[in-house]
């Protein structure tokens, strides 16, 4: 099954603040989400944050957060940025 990825506008704006190598990792994560779904146990520090919300580390300082409603094929990437400002 292929999932549809919705990236919020503030995430797109935040991509400009990421170092290039972290931005590249983010796009690898997006492709993994598209192909494999919201459960990404191969990514560092992957965990469930709450009901239908997940996150993982892109490296030590940068994280990505997304949500997934069961019985849909849409994954919404809600945050990418420093872990200090992450919404959890």
C-alpha atoms as a PDB file:
ATOM      1  CA  UNK A   1       0.000   0.000   0.000  1.00  0.00           C
ATOM      2  CA  UNK A   2       1.202   3.494  -0.792  1.00  0.00           C
ATOM      3  CA  UNK A   3       0.371   6.255   1.675  1.00  0.00           C
ATOM      4  CA  UNK A   4      -0.295   9.887   0.793  1.00  0.00           C
ATOM      5  CA  UNK A   5       1.938  12.362   2.598  1.00  0.00           C
ATOM      6  CA  UNK A   6       0.626  15.798   3.529  1.00  0.00           C
ATOM      7  CA  UNK A   7       3.323  18.230   4.601  1.00  0.00           C
ATOM      8  CA  UNK A   8       2.084  21.258   6.555  1.00  0.00           C
ATOM      9  CA  UNK A   9       3.097  24.732   5.322  1.00  0.00           C
ATOM     10  CA  UNK A  10       5.115  25.493   8.456  1.00  0.00           C
ATOM     11  CA  UNK A  11       7.133  22.320   7.820  1.00  0.00           C
ATOM     12  CA  UNK A  12       7.969  23.517   4.306  1.00  0.00           C
ATOM     13  CA  UNK A  13       9.087  26.873   5.734  1.00  0.00           C
ATOM     14  CA  UNK A  14      11.112  25.093   8.415  1.00  0.00           C
ATOM     15  CA  UNK A  15      13.014  23.044   5.851  1.00  0.00           C
ATOM     16  CA  UNK A  16      14.993  26.156   4.912  1.00  0.00           C
ATOM     17  CA  UNK A  17      16.400  26.296   8.451  1.00  0.00           C
ATOM     18  CA  UNK A  18      17.703  22.723   8.394  1.00  0.00           C
ATOM     19  CA  UNK A  19      21.264  21.888   7.457  1.00  0.00           C
ATOM     20  CA  UNK A  20      21.389  20.299   3.995  1.00  0.00           C
ATOM     21  CA  UNK A  21      22.261  16.807   5.224  1.00  0.00           C
ATOM     22  CA  UNK A  22      19.300  16.870   7.655  1.00  0.00           C
ATOM     23  CA  UNK A  23      16.974  18.050   4.881  1.00  0.00           C
ATOM     24  CA  UNK A  24      18.092  15.103   2.774  1.00  0.00           C
ATOM     25  CA  UNK A  25      17.343  12.727   5.664  1.00  0.00           C
ATOM     26  CA  UNK A  26      13.900  14.310   6.003  1.00  0.00           C
ATOM     27  CA  UNK A  27      13.085  13.489   2.383  1.00  0.00           C
ATOM     28  CA  UNK A  28      14.278   9.914   2.932  1.00  0.00           C
ATOM     29  CA  UNK A  29      11.900   9.732   5.913  1.00  0.00           C
ATOM     30  CA  UNK A  30       9.033  11.065   3.778  1.00  0.00           C
ATOM     31  CA  UNK A  31       9.714   8.391   1.180  1.00  0.00           C
ATOM     32  CA  UNK A  32       9.798   5.722   3.909  1.00  0.00           C
ATOM     33  CA  UNK A  33       6.474   6.994   5.246  1.00  0.00           C
ATOM     34  CA  UNK A  34       4.987   6.886   1.735  1.00  0.00           C
ATOM     35  CA  UNK A  35       6.134   3.326   1.088  1.00  0.00           C
ATOM     36  CA  UNK A  36       5.966   1.712   4.549  1.00  0.00           C
ATOM     37  CA  UNK A  37       3.446   3.711   6.553  1.00  0.00           C
ATOM     38  CA  UNK A  38       3.566   5.595   9.855  1.00  0.00           C
ATOM     39  CA  UNK A  39       5.412   2.997  11.950  1.00  0.00           C
ATOM     40  CA  UNK A  40       9.112   3.666  11.317  1.00  0.00           C
ATOM     41  CA  UNK A  41      10.981   1.523  13.832  1.00  0.00           C
ATOM     42  CA  UNK A  42      14.214   1.705  11.797  1.00  0.00           C
ATOM     43  CA  UNK A  43      14.582   5.434  12.493  1.00  0.00           C
ATOM     44  CA  UNK A  44      16.470   6.616  15.605  1.00  0.00           C
ATOM     45  CA  UNK A  45      14.335   7.283  18.679  1.00  0.00           C
ATOM     46  CA  UNK A  46      11.099   6.450  16.875  1.00  0.00           C
ATOM     47  CA  UNK A  47       8.213   6.536  19.317  1.00  0.00           C
ATOM     48  CA  UNK A  48       4.515   7.086  19.627  1.00  0.00           C
ATOM     49  CA  UNK A  49       3.802  10.495  21.177  1.00  0.00           C
ATOM     50  CA  UNK A  50       0.100  10.116  21.754  1.00  0.00           C
ATOM     51  CA  UNK A  51      -3.004   8.943  20.020  1.00  0.00           C
ATOM     52  CA  UNK A  52      -2.020   8.567  16.363  1.00  0.00           C
ATOM     53  CA  UNK A  53       1.077  10.801  16.733  1.00  0.00           C
ATOM     54  CA  UNK A  54       4.678   9.714  16.142  1.00  0.00           C
ATOM     55  CA  UNK A  55       8.166  11.149  15.960  1.00  0.00           C
ATOM     56  CA  UNK A  56      11.750  10.202  15.193  1.00  0.00           C
ATOM     57  CA  UNK A  57      15.146  11.856  15.222  1.00  0.00           C
ATOM     58  CA  UNK A  58      16.759  12.878  11.948  1.00  0.00           C
ATOM     59  CA  UNK A  59      19.970  13.226  13.929  1.00  0.00           C
ATOM     60  CA  UNK A  60      20.865  14.171  17.497  1.00  0.00           C
ATOM     61  CA  UNK A  61      19.432  17.696  17.283  1.00  0.00           C
ATOM     62  CA  UNK A  62      16.656  17.503  14.671  1.00  0.00           C
ATOM     63  CA  UNK A  63      13.318  15.673  14.770  1.00  0.00           C
ATOM     64  CA  UNK A  64      10.238  15.087  12.650  1.00  0.00           C
ATOM     65  CA  UNK A  65       6.688  14.583  13.956  1.00  0.00           C
ATOM     66  CA  UNK A  66       3.686  13.210  12.091  1.00  0.00           C
ATOM     67  CA  UNK A  67       0.192  11.941  12.702  1.00  0.00           C
ATOM     68  CA  UNK A  68      -1.831   9.182  11.125  1.00  0.00           C
ATOM     69  CA  UNK A  69      -5.531   8.484  11.475  1.00  0.00           C
ATOM     70  CA  UNK A  70      -6.246   4.786  11.356  1.00  0.00           C
ATOM     71  CA  UNK A  71      -8.266   3.479   8.408  1.00  0.00           C
ATOM     72  CA  UNK A  72      -6.913   6.207   6.104  1.00  0.00           C
ATOM     73  CA  UNK A  73      -3.927   6.396   3.781  1.00  0.00           C
ATOM     74  CA  UNK A  74      -2.968   9.963   4.732  1.00  0.00           C
ATOM     75  CA  UNK A  75       0.035  10.749   6.926  1.00  0.00           C
ATOM     76  CA  UNK A  76       0.407  14.392   7.974  1.00  0.00           C
ATOM     77  CA  UNK A  77       3.916  15.653   8.711  1.00  0.00           C
ATOM     78  CA  UNK A  78       3.321  18.368  11.294  1.00  0.00           C
ATOM     79  CA  UNK A  79       6.798  19.371  12.422  1.00  0.00           C
ATOM     80  CA  UNK A  80      10.417  19.217  11.418  1.00  0.00           C
ATOM     81  CA  UNK A  81      13.009  21.155  13.341  1.00  0.00           C
ATOM     82  CA  UNK A  82      15.097  21.263  16.477  1.00  0.00           C
ATOM     83  CA  UNK A  83      14.141  18.865  19.197  1.00  0.00           C
ATOM     84  CA  UNK A  84      14.123  21.734  21.727  1.00  0.00           C
ATOM     85  CA  UNK A  85      11.140  23.319  19.956  1.00  0.00           C
ATOM     86  CA  UNK A  86       9.344  20.063  19.134  1.00  0.00           C
ATOM     87  CA  UNK A  87       5.628  19.989  20.022  1.00  0.00           C
ATOM     88  CA  UNK A  88       5.864  17.243  22.631  1.00  0.00           C
END
